[in-house]
Amino acid sequence: MERTLAPLHVDEGSPETSRTHLQSAIIVASTTLVFTGCGINFAFGVFQELYDSMSKEPNTPFTSATPAQIDLIGTLSIALMTIGAPFATAWTKQYPPRYVIWASGVIHASALLCASFSQHLWQFILTQGILLGMATCLTYMPSVTVAPTWFTLHRGLAMGMILAGTGIGGVAWPLAFRYLIQSVGFRNTLRVTAGISFVLICGSGTFIRWPASQITRIQAENAASSRSSTIFRLPLVNWRVVRSRKFIAHALGAALQSAAYYTPVFFFASFARTLGYSQATSANFIAISNAANALGKVAIGYAADRMGRLNTLVITTLISAVSVLALWLPSCTSAAQSTGSALFIAFTIFYGIFASAYVALFPTSLVELFGVQNFVSVNGLLYMVRGFATLVGTPVAGALIRGNHEKSSSSHTESEKTCPAQCRRLYISTIYHHQASESNDFSSPIRLIYADSSFTI
C-alpha cells in the first residue's frame, strides 16, 4: 500500500487564503465523518428502546434478553470507538489518512448490513456492537487526530465545530431512525443507513490529509521505524511523558468521565417512558440533548480559546455534575409528574450543553499539554483509556435494571444519577489539583492556564 503522505496543493500566490480554504475543507469533512460515525452510535438509544420492547415479545431476536445484555450492543460500539485508538492513530501516520477512512466506510456499511440480517442477540452484539465500533474508530480517530494540527489560535472553536457533528448527528439520526423504523421496519432501516454511511464516510475521507507543516516530521518518524514492523505496530510512546503527573491526571480524569458520560445518553428514552411519555416522544429527548450538545460544543469551544481550554474544561464538567444532582435526581423524586417532567427537560438541555464540552476540549488540551510532537501517541493512549472505562459505567447501570417495570425504572435511574455525579466530582478534583502547565517541562509547577497568561498555584 502506498505510504506517501503528500500535502494538499497550495496556491503560493495567496498562502493565507489557500490555508483558510484547506482548513474549511478539513472542518467540513471532519464534521461529516463525526456526524456519520459517532452520530449513528450516539443514536443507539432509539434501537435500545426498541430492542427492550421486543424483549418482552415472543419469537424475536431479543426475547427474554435483559436490559444489560441489550445495552452491551451500544456499549461495545461506543467503547471500541476509542479502545482501538492507538492502532487507528498509528495507521493515520503510516498511511494517508484517507485510506484509513475509506476502509472504515467499507467496514461500517458491512456491519450495518450484517446486523440487518441477524437473528440472535449475539449476532447483533457482534455486528452492531463490535464491528460497528471498530469501523467508527477508524472514522473518528483520524478526524480528531489530523484536524487539531491544522489550527493554533482557534483550535478550540475548530474542534467544537467538528465535534458538534456528534450532536447534529444525534438530532438527525434518531428522528430518521424513528421514521424509518415505523415506515419500513428496523431491518430495512439498518440497510438504508448502511448505504448512506458508506457514501458520507468515503466521500468525506477524501479530504482528510495532514498539513504541509507536519508532513516532513511524519515522514521522518515513519522512515525511522523498523522496516520489519507490521500493520499492527503502535506509535512509539515517550515514557517520560506517560509517567508525568499531567498524563496520569488526564488518564484518571478521562477514565472517570467516560465511565459516566454515556449512561444518560443511552437511557434518556427509557427514562422518559417512566415519566409517562410515549415511545415517539421519548426518542425526542435524545434529539433535544444532542441539539444542545452541538450548540454547546461550538459556543464553549469559542469561549475556551479566550478563557483557556483547561479552565473551560473544569468549569463545564463541574456544571454537568451539579446538573445531575440538582435536576435529574429531583425529577425522579418529585411527587408531581409535571414538575418531574420539567426538571428532566431542563437536565436534558444542561447535560447536553456542558457534559459534551469535555469531548470537544479533550484533544485540544492534549496538544497544549504534551505538544504536537507527542500528540498522536498520547491521543491514542488516552482515547483507549476512555474506551475501557466506557465498558464499565454503562453496563453497570444496565445491570441494575431488574424486576418489574416500576422497580427497574427506579433502580436504574437512581444508579445513573449517582455514578455520573461521583465520577465527575472525582474528575474535577483530579484535574484541578494535578493538571500541569502547557510547557513541555513535565515536572514543572501546577498551573491554571488562560488564553494569554497563566499563574502558578
Protein backbone atom coordinates (compact mmCIF):
# COMPACT_ATOMS: atom_id res chain seq x y z
CA MET A 1 0.00 0.00 0.00
CA GLU A 2 1.30 3.47 -0.85
CA ARG A 3 2.67 5.26 2.19
CA THR A 4 3.38 8.66 0.63
CA LEU A 5 1.86 11.48 2.64
CA ALA A 6 1.62 14.22 0.03
CA PRO A 7 0.40 17.63 1.17
CA LEU A 8 -2.56 19.26 -0.47
CA HIS A 9 -1.80 21.74 -3.27
CA VAL A 10 -1.33 25.27 -2.03
CA ASP A 11 -1.54 28.35 -4.25
CA GLU A 12 1.71 30.16 -3.49
CA GLY A 13 0.22 33.44 -4.66
CA SER A 14 -2.17 33.62 -1.72
CA PRO A 15 -0.95 31.25 1.01
CA GLU A 16 -3.18 32.64 3.75
CA THR A 17 -6.33 32.37 1.63
CA SER A 18 -5.38 28.89 0.46
CA ARG A 19 -4.72 27.71 4.00
CA THR A 20 -8.08 29.10 5.11
CA HIS A 21 -9.78 27.15 2.32
CA LEU A 22 -7.94 23.99 3.33
CA GLN A 23 -8.90 24.49 6.97
CA SER A 24 -12.52 24.95 5.94
CA ALA A 25 -12.39 21.72 3.93
CA ILE A 26 -10.92 19.89 6.94
CA ILE A 27 -13.68 21.21 9.20
CA VAL A 28 -16.49 20.24 6.81
CA ALA A 29 -15.05 16.80 6.07
CA SER A 30 -14.24 16.03 9.72
CA THR A 31 -17.66 17.23 10.87
CA THR A 32 -19.33 14.96 8.31
CA LEU A 33 -17.27 11.99 9.48
CA VAL A 34 -18.12 12.63 13.12
CA PHE A 35 -21.76 13.27 12.19
CA THR A 36 -21.97 9.90 10.48
CA GLY A 37 -19.83 7.60 12.59
CA CYS A 38 -20.41 8.99 16.06
CA GLY A 39 -23.92 10.25 15.36
CA ILE A 40 -25.15 6.77 14.48
CA ASN A 41 -23.54 5.35 17.62
CA PHE A 42 -24.98 8.02 19.88
CA ALA A 43 -28.45 7.44 18.44
CA PHE A 44 -28.39 3.85 19.66
CA GLY A 45 -30.86 4.84 22.38
CA VAL A 46 -33.63 4.56 19.76
CA PHE A 47 -32.64 0.98 18.99
CA GLN A 48 -32.14 0.25 22.68
CA GLU A 49 -35.69 1.30 23.47
CA LEU A 50 -36.99 -0.76 20.53
CA TYR A 51 -34.96 -3.83 21.47
CA ASP A 52 -36.10 -3.51 25.10
CA SER A 53 -39.73 -3.59 23.98
CA MET A 54 -39.03 -6.56 21.70
CA SER A 55 -37.51 -8.47 24.63
CA LYS A 56 -40.99 -8.70 26.14
CA GLU A 57 -42.43 -10.22 22.97
CA PRO A 58 -42.17 -13.85 21.82
CA ASN A 59 -40.13 -15.04 18.84
CA THR A 60 -37.87 -12.01 18.41
CA PRO A 61 -34.06 -11.88 18.44
CA PHE A 62 -34.28 -10.20 21.85
CA THR A 63 -36.93 -12.31 23.58
CA SER A 64 -36.13 -12.62 27.32
CA ALA A 65 -32.94 -10.56 26.93
CA THR A 66 -32.10 -8.36 29.92
CA PRO A 67 -31.53 -4.60 29.62
CA ALA A 68 -27.85 -5.17 30.43
CA GLN A 69 -27.49 -7.67 27.59
CA ILE A 70 -29.15 -5.32 25.10
CA ASP A 71 -27.14 -2.39 26.39
CA LEU A 72 -23.98 -4.37 25.64
CA ILE A 73 -24.57 -3.74 21.92
CA GLY A 74 -24.32 0.03 22.24
CA THR A 75 -21.69 -0.07 24.96
CA LEU A 76 -19.31 -2.19 22.89
CA SER A 77 -19.82 0.05 19.89
CA ILE A 78 -19.05 3.18 21.90
CA ALA A 79 -16.14 1.59 23.77
CA LEU A 80 -14.44 0.15 20.69
CA MET A 81 -14.76 3.55 19.06
CA THR A 82 -11.82 4.58 21.26
CA ILE A 83 -10.25 1.33 22.53
CA GLY A 84 -8.66 0.83 19.13
CA ALA A 85 -7.36 4.41 19.10
CA PRO A 86 -3.62 3.53 19.36
CA PHE A 87 -3.88 1.42 16.20
CA ALA A 88 -6.07 3.94 14.35
CA THR A 89 -3.73 6.85 15.13
CA ALA A 90 -0.69 4.77 14.15
CA TRP A 91 -2.25 3.86 10.80
CA THR A 92 -3.17 7.51 10.26
CA LYS A 93 0.55 8.29 10.42
CA GLN A 94 1.75 5.23 8.49
CA TYR A 95 -0.65 5.63 5.59
CA PRO A 96 -2.57 8.52 4.04
CA PRO A 97 -5.49 9.22 6.43
CA ARG A 98 -7.98 8.91 3.59
CA TYR A 99 -7.02 5.23 3.14
CA VAL A 100 -7.85 4.51 6.76
CA ILE A 101 -11.18 6.31 6.46
CA TRP A 102 -12.10 4.55 3.21
CA ALA A 103 -11.52 1.21 4.96
CA SER A 104 -13.77 2.37 7.79
CA GLY A 105 -16.53 3.20 5.31
CA VAL A 106 -16.49 -0.35 3.96
CA ILE A 107 -16.48 -1.91 7.45
CA HIS A 108 -19.17 0.48 8.70
CA ALA A 109 -21.58 -0.38 5.89
CA SER A 110 -20.81 -4.09 6.22
CA ALA A 111 -21.53 -4.03 9.95
CA LEU A 112 -24.96 -2.46 9.48
CA LEU A 113 -25.84 -4.77 6.60
CA CYS A 114 -24.88 -7.85 8.59
CA ALA A 115 -26.87 -6.56 11.58
CA SER A 116 -29.95 -6.23 9.38
CA PHE A 117 -29.85 -9.99 8.75
CA SER A 118 -29.06 -11.01 12.34
CA GLN A 119 -31.44 -13.44 14.05
CA HIS A 120 -29.92 -13.75 17.54
CA LEU A 121 -28.75 -11.34 20.22
CA TRP A 122 -25.12 -12.45 19.96
CA GLN A 123 -25.17 -11.62 16.25
CA PHE A 124 -26.30 -8.06 16.98
CA ILE A 125 -23.56 -7.78 19.60
CA LEU A 126 -21.01 -8.93 17.03
CA THR A 127 -22.21 -6.70 14.16
CA GLN A 128 -23.99 -3.63 15.53
CA GLY A 129 -21.72 -3.69 18.56
CA ILE A 130 -18.17 -4.90 17.91
CA LEU A 131 -17.83 -4.48 14.14
CA LEU A 132 -19.59 -1.10 14.06
CA GLY A 133 -17.43 0.12 16.94
CA MET A 134 -14.24 -0.86 15.11
CA ALA A 135 -15.43 0.94 11.99
CA THR A 136 -16.33 4.07 13.92
CA CYS A 137 -12.87 4.09 15.50
CA LEU A 138 -11.29 4.24 12.04
CA THR A 139 -13.65 7.09 11.15
CA TYR A 140 -13.42 9.10 14.36
CA MET A 141 -9.74 8.89 15.32
CA PRO A 142 -8.29 10.25 12.05
CA SER A 143 -10.70 13.18 12.33
CA VAL A 144 -9.69 14.18 15.87
CA THR A 145 -6.01 13.41 15.26
CA VAL A 146 -5.45 15.27 11.98
CA ALA A 147 -7.78 18.26 12.47
CA PRO A 148 -6.13 19.81 15.58
CA THR A 149 -2.80 20.06 13.75
CA TRP A 150 -4.35 22.47 11.22
CA PHE A 151 -5.18 25.12 13.85
CA THR A 152 -3.47 27.16 16.57
CA LEU A 153 -5.30 30.23 17.92
CA HIS A 154 -8.77 28.96 17.04
CA ARG A 155 -8.20 25.29 17.80
CA GLY A 156 -10.95 25.21 20.44
CA LEU A 157 -13.55 26.69 18.10
CA ALA A 158 -12.48 24.43 15.24
CA MET A 159 -12.72 21.27 17.32
CA GLY A 160 -16.00 22.46 18.80
CA MET A 161 -17.42 22.81 15.29
CA ILE A 162 -16.07 19.42 14.21
CA LEU A 163 -17.25 17.54 17.28
CA ALA A 164 -20.61 19.28 17.12
CA GLY A 165 -21.13 16.67 14.43
CA THR A 166 -21.95 14.20 17.19
CA GLY A 167 -24.75 16.46 18.36
CA ILE A 168 -26.02 17.24 14.88
CA GLY A 169 -25.95 13.54 14.07
CA GLY A 170 -27.61 12.84 17.37
CA VAL A 171 -30.50 15.08 16.33
CA ALA A 172 -30.84 13.86 12.76
CA TRP A 173 -30.25 10.14 13.14
CA PRO A 174 -32.79 9.43 15.95
CA LEU A 175 -35.51 11.26 14.05
CA ALA A 176 -34.59 9.43 10.84
CA PHE A 177 -34.39 6.10 12.64
CA ARG A 178 -37.77 6.61 14.30
CA TYR A 179 -39.40 7.49 10.98
CA LEU A 180 -37.77 4.63 9.07
CA ILE A 181 -38.47 2.04 11.77
CA GLN A 182 -42.15 2.93 11.72
CA SER A 183 -42.24 3.04 7.91
CA VAL A 184 -40.08 0.12 6.75
CA GLY A 185 -39.08 -1.75 9.91
CA PHE A 186 -35.81 -1.79 11.80
CA ARG A 187 -34.05 -4.23 9.45
CA ASN A 188 -34.56 -2.08 6.37
CA THR A 189 -33.61 0.93 8.47
CA LEU A 190 -30.21 -0.65 9.10
CA ARG A 191 -29.80 -1.35 5.37
CA VAL A 192 -30.66 2.21 4.33
CA THR A 193 -28.27 3.54 6.97
CA ALA A 194 -25.50 1.30 5.62
CA GLY A 195 -25.76 2.84 2.16
CA ILE A 196 -25.88 6.41 3.42
CA SER A 197 -22.96 5.96 5.81
CA PHE A 198 -20.78 4.40 3.10
CA VAL A 199 -21.24 7.40 0.80
CA LEU A 200 -20.73 10.03 3.52
CA ILE A 201 -17.68 8.39 5.11
CA CYS A 202 -15.80 7.56 1.92
CA GLY A 203 -16.64 10.89 0.31
CA SER A 204 -15.53 12.97 3.30
CA GLY A 205 -12.43 10.86 3.89
CA THR A 206 -11.02 12.02 0.56
CA PHE A 207 -10.32 15.48 2.04
CA ILE A 208 -8.58 14.41 5.26
CA ARG A 209 -4.83 14.96 4.99
CA TRP A 210 -2.01 16.19 7.19
CA PRO A 211 -0.98 19.86 6.86
CA ALA A 212 2.24 20.51 4.97
CA SER A 213 3.94 21.57 8.21
CA GLN A 214 3.54 18.04 9.60
CA ILE A 215 4.42 16.01 6.50
CA THR A 216 8.21 16.17 6.90
CA ARG A 217 8.13 15.22 10.58
CA ILE A 218 5.74 12.31 10.00
CA GLN A 219 7.77 11.00 7.07
CA ALA A 220 10.94 11.15 9.18
CA GLU A 221 9.26 9.23 12.00
CA ASN A 222 7.97 6.61 9.58
CA ALA A 223 11.42 6.26 7.99
CA ALA A 224 12.98 5.77 11.42
CA SER A 225 10.59 2.91 12.16
CA SER A 226 11.75 -0.64 11.67
CA ARG A 227 11.16 -1.90 8.14
CA SER A 228 10.09 -5.19 9.67
CA SER A 229 7.24 -3.52 11.54
CA THR A 230 3.77 -4.75 10.73
CA ILE A 231 0.46 -3.04 10.27
CA PHE A 232 -0.17 -3.58 13.99
CA ARG A 233 2.82 -1.51 15.05
CA LEU A 234 1.89 1.12 17.61
CA PRO A 235 3.42 4.61 17.69
CA LEU A 236 6.42 4.92 19.98
CA VAL A 237 5.48 6.37 23.36
CA ASN A 238 7.60 8.85 25.28
CA TRP A 239 7.62 7.10 28.65
CA ARG A 240 8.83 10.27 30.33
CA VAL A 241 5.54 11.82 29.28
CA VAL A 242 3.47 8.80 30.32
CA ARG A 243 4.99 8.79 33.81
CA SER A 244 4.38 12.50 34.32
CA ARG A 245 1.76 13.83 36.72
CA LYS A 246 -0.12 15.60 33.96
CA PHE A 247 -0.54 12.37 31.95
CA ILE A 248 -1.66 10.38 35.00
CA ALA A 249 -4.13 13.11 35.95
CA HIS A 250 -5.51 13.29 32.43
CA ALA A 251 -5.78 9.49 32.21
CA LEU A 252 -7.67 9.26 35.51
CA GLY A 253 -9.97 12.10 34.52
CA ALA A 254 -10.61 10.55 31.11
CA ALA A 255 -11.48 7.20 32.69
CA LEU A 256 -13.87 8.66 35.26
CA GLN A 257 -15.61 10.92 32.76
CA SER A 258 -16.10 8.16 30.21
CA ALA A 259 -17.42 5.71 32.78
CA ALA A 260 -20.27 8.13 33.49
CA TYR A 261 -20.82 10.16 30.33
CA TYR A 262 -22.73 7.71 28.12
CA THR A 263 -25.16 6.42 30.74
CA PRO A 264 -27.70 9.26 30.37
CA VAL A 265 -27.22 9.29 26.59
CA PHE A 266 -28.22 5.64 26.30
CA PHE A 267 -31.09 5.78 28.80
CA PHE A 268 -32.75 9.12 28.01
CA ALA A 269 -35.52 7.44 26.02
CA SER A 270 -36.09 4.64 28.53
CA PHE A 271 -36.24 7.03 31.47
CA ALA A 272 -38.65 9.33 29.62
CA ARG A 273 -41.04 6.39 29.27
CA THR A 274 -41.18 6.12 33.09
CA LEU A 275 -42.41 9.73 33.19
CA GLY A 276 -45.37 8.82 31.01
CA TYR A 277 -44.10 9.94 27.61
CA SER A 278 -44.97 7.94 24.51
CA GLN A 279 -42.40 5.90 22.61
CA ALA A 280 -42.13 8.54 19.86
CA THR A 281 -41.87 11.45 22.30
CA SER A 282 -39.28 9.63 24.40
CA ALA A 283 -36.98 9.40 21.39
CA ASN A 284 -37.18 13.18 21.05
CA PHE A 285 -35.29 13.59 24.32
CA ILE A 286 -32.24 12.11 22.62
CA ALA A 287 -32.64 14.69 19.86
CA ILE A 288 -33.03 17.54 22.37
CA SER A 289 -29.89 16.51 24.23
CA ASN A 290 -27.89 16.23 21.03
CA ALA A 291 -29.10 19.60 19.75
CA ALA A 292 -27.87 21.17 22.98
CA ASN A 293 -24.71 19.10 22.55
CA ALA A 294 -23.98 20.62 19.13
CA LEU A 295 -24.65 24.22 20.17
CA GLY A 296 -22.70 23.81 23.39
CA LYS A 297 -19.58 22.47 21.71
CA VAL A 298 -19.35 25.38 19.28
CA ALA A 299 -20.11 28.08 21.86
CA ILE A 300 -17.89 26.58 24.54
CA GLY A 301 -15.11 25.93 22.03
CA TYR A 302 -15.22 29.61 21.09
CA ALA A 303 -15.13 30.64 24.76
CA ALA A 304 -12.31 28.20 25.50
CA ASP A 305 -9.97 29.96 23.06
CA ARG A 306 -10.33 33.06 25.25
CA MET A 307 -10.78 31.70 28.78
CA GLY A 308 -8.26 28.90 28.46
CA ARG A 309 -9.15 25.41 27.29
CA LEU A 310 -8.30 23.60 30.51
CA ASN A 311 -10.11 26.15 32.68
CA THR A 312 -13.19 25.82 30.49
CA LEU A 313 -12.92 22.04 30.71
CA VAL A 314 -13.03 22.19 34.52
CA ILE A 315 -15.91 24.67 34.70
CA THR A 316 -18.18 22.90 32.22
CA THR A 317 -17.54 19.48 33.75
CA LEU A 318 -18.41 20.83 37.19
CA ILE A 319 -21.67 22.30 35.89
CA SER A 320 -22.62 18.98 34.27
CA ALA A 321 -22.02 17.20 37.58
CA VAL A 322 -24.13 19.69 39.50
CA SER A 323 -26.97 19.35 36.98
CA VAL A 324 -27.21 15.64 37.78
CA LEU A 325 -27.86 16.30 41.46
CA ALA A 326 -29.86 19.49 41.01
CA LEU A 327 -32.11 18.43 38.12
CA TRP A 328 -32.14 14.71 37.35
CA LEU A 329 -32.37 13.44 40.92
CA PRO A 330 -35.31 15.73 41.82
CA SER A 331 -37.09 14.75 38.59
CA CYS A 332 -37.26 11.19 39.90
CA THR A 333 -38.31 12.02 43.45
CA SER A 334 -40.82 14.78 42.64
CA ALA A 335 -44.39 13.90 43.63
CA ALA A 336 -45.87 15.98 40.81
CA GLN A 337 -45.39 14.46 37.38
CA SER A 338 -45.41 17.88 35.69
CA THR A 339 -42.57 19.05 37.94
CA GLY A 340 -40.59 15.89 37.30
CA SER A 341 -41.01 16.29 33.56
CA ALA A 342 -39.92 19.94 33.64
CA LEU A 343 -36.82 19.08 35.66
CA PHE A 344 -35.93 16.26 33.31
CA ILE A 345 -36.26 18.51 30.25
CA ALA A 346 -34.00 21.07 31.93
CA PHE A 347 -31.48 18.34 32.76
CA THR A 348 -31.54 17.07 29.20
CA ILE A 349 -30.56 20.52 27.91
CA PHE A 350 -27.97 21.32 30.59
CA TYR A 351 -26.32 17.93 30.31
CA GLY A 352 -26.21 18.16 26.54
CA ILE A 353 -24.52 21.56 26.64
CA PHE A 354 -21.99 21.13 29.42
CA ALA A 355 -21.15 17.42 29.59
CA SER A 356 -20.36 17.32 25.88
CA ALA A 357 -17.80 20.11 26.23
CA TYR A 358 -15.30 17.56 27.53
CA VAL A 359 -15.40 15.70 24.23
CA ALA A 360 -14.62 18.85 22.23
CA LEU A 361 -11.91 20.17 24.55
CA PHE A 362 -10.18 16.84 25.20
CA PRO A 363 -8.00 16.72 22.05
CA THR A 364 -7.22 20.45 22.17
CA SER A 365 -5.96 20.14 25.73
CA LEU A 366 -3.66 17.28 24.74
CA VAL A 367 -1.94 19.40 22.09
CA GLU A 368 -1.36 22.16 24.64
CA LEU A 369 -0.16 19.89 27.42
CA PHE A 370 2.02 17.43 25.55
CA GLY A 371 2.98 19.26 22.36
CA VAL A 372 2.35 18.40 18.73
CA GLN A 373 5.31 16.00 18.70
CA ASN A 374 3.70 13.78 21.37
CA PHE A 375 0.08 14.35 20.39
CA VAL A 376 -0.56 11.31 18.19
CA SER A 377 0.72 8.68 20.64
CA VAL A 378 -0.73 10.37 23.73
CA ASN A 379 -4.07 10.93 21.98
CA GLY A 380 -4.31 7.26 21.07
CA LEU A 381 -3.44 6.03 24.57
CA LEU A 382 -5.87 8.31 26.37
CA TYR A 383 -8.72 7.57 23.98
CA MET A 384 -8.06 3.88 24.64
CA VAL A 385 -8.36 4.57 28.38
CA ARG A 386 -11.70 6.24 27.73
CA GLY A 387 -12.88 3.23 25.76
CA PHE A 388 -12.11 0.74 28.52
CA ALA A 389 -13.81 2.98 31.09
CA THR A 390 -16.95 3.05 28.95
CA LEU A 391 -17.10 -0.73 29.24
CA VAL A 392 -17.62 -0.30 32.99
CA GLY A 393 -20.04 2.57 33.54
CA THR A 394 -22.97 1.95 31.22
CA PRO A 395 -23.17 -1.86 31.66
CA VAL A 396 -23.27 -1.37 35.43
CA ALA A 397 -26.28 0.92 35.02
CA GLY A 398 -27.95 -1.58 32.70
CA ALA A 399 -27.24 -4.48 35.06
CA LEU A 400 -29.11 -2.68 37.85
CA ILE A 401 -32.35 -2.74 35.86
CA ARG A 402 -34.18 -5.70 37.36
CA GLY A 403 -37.64 -6.90 38.38
CA ASN A 404 -40.89 -5.40 37.19
CA HIS A 405 -41.16 -2.18 35.20
CA GLU A 406 -41.65 0.15 38.16
CA LYS A 407 -38.89 -1.40 40.21
CA SER A 408 -36.41 -1.45 37.37
CA SER A 409 -37.14 2.15 36.45
CA SER A 410 -36.40 3.32 39.97
CA SER A 411 -33.29 1.19 40.22
CA HIS A 412 -31.55 2.28 37.07
CA THR A 413 -32.36 5.97 37.39
CA GLU A 414 -31.03 6.14 40.94
CA SER A 415 -27.80 4.46 39.96
CA GLU A 416 -27.42 6.52 36.80
CA LYS A 417 -27.71 9.74 38.76
CA THR A 418 -25.26 8.70 41.45
CA CYS A 419 -22.50 7.29 39.23
CA PRO A 420 -22.04 10.29 36.90
CA ALA A 421 -22.07 12.74 39.80
CA GLN A 422 -19.41 10.88 41.78
CA CYS A 423 -17.20 10.30 38.73
CA ARG A 424 -17.32 13.92 37.66
CA ARG A 425 -16.64 15.23 41.15
CA LEU A 426 -13.59 12.97 41.31
CA TYR A 427 -12.55 14.16 37.87
CA ILE A 428 -12.77 17.81 38.90
CA SER A 429 -10.66 17.13 41.98
CA THR A 430 -8.07 15.31 39.92
CA ILE A 431 -7.79 17.75 37.05
CA TYR A 432 -7.78 20.83 39.29
CA HIS A 433 -5.12 19.66 41.71
CA HIS A 434 -2.87 17.76 39.32
CA GLN A 435 -3.07 19.46 35.94
CA ALA A 436 0.27 20.76 34.74
CA SER A 437 1.08 23.67 32.50
CA GLU A 438 1.21 23.72 28.73
CA SER A 439 5.01 23.73 28.73
CA ASN A 440 6.91 20.56 27.92
CA ASP A 441 8.61 20.55 31.33
CA PHE A 442 6.72 17.61 32.79
CA SER A 443 7.98 18.26 36.31
CA SER A 444 7.01 21.94 36.34
CA PRO A 445 4.70 23.51 38.97
CA ILE A 446 0.95 23.10 38.61
CA ARG A 447 -0.81 25.92 36.79
CA LEU A 448 -4.19 27.11 35.72
CA ILE A 449 -3.95 28.06 32.06
CA TYR A 450 -5.62 31.01 30.37
CA ALA A 451 -5.60 32.04 26.74
CA ASP A 452 -2.97 34.76 27.20
CA SER A 453 -1.40 34.04 30.59
CA SER A 454 -1.12 31.54 33.41
CA PHE A 455 -0.30 31.62 37.09
CA THR A 456 1.31 29.08 39.37
CA ILE A 457 -0.68 27.58 42.23
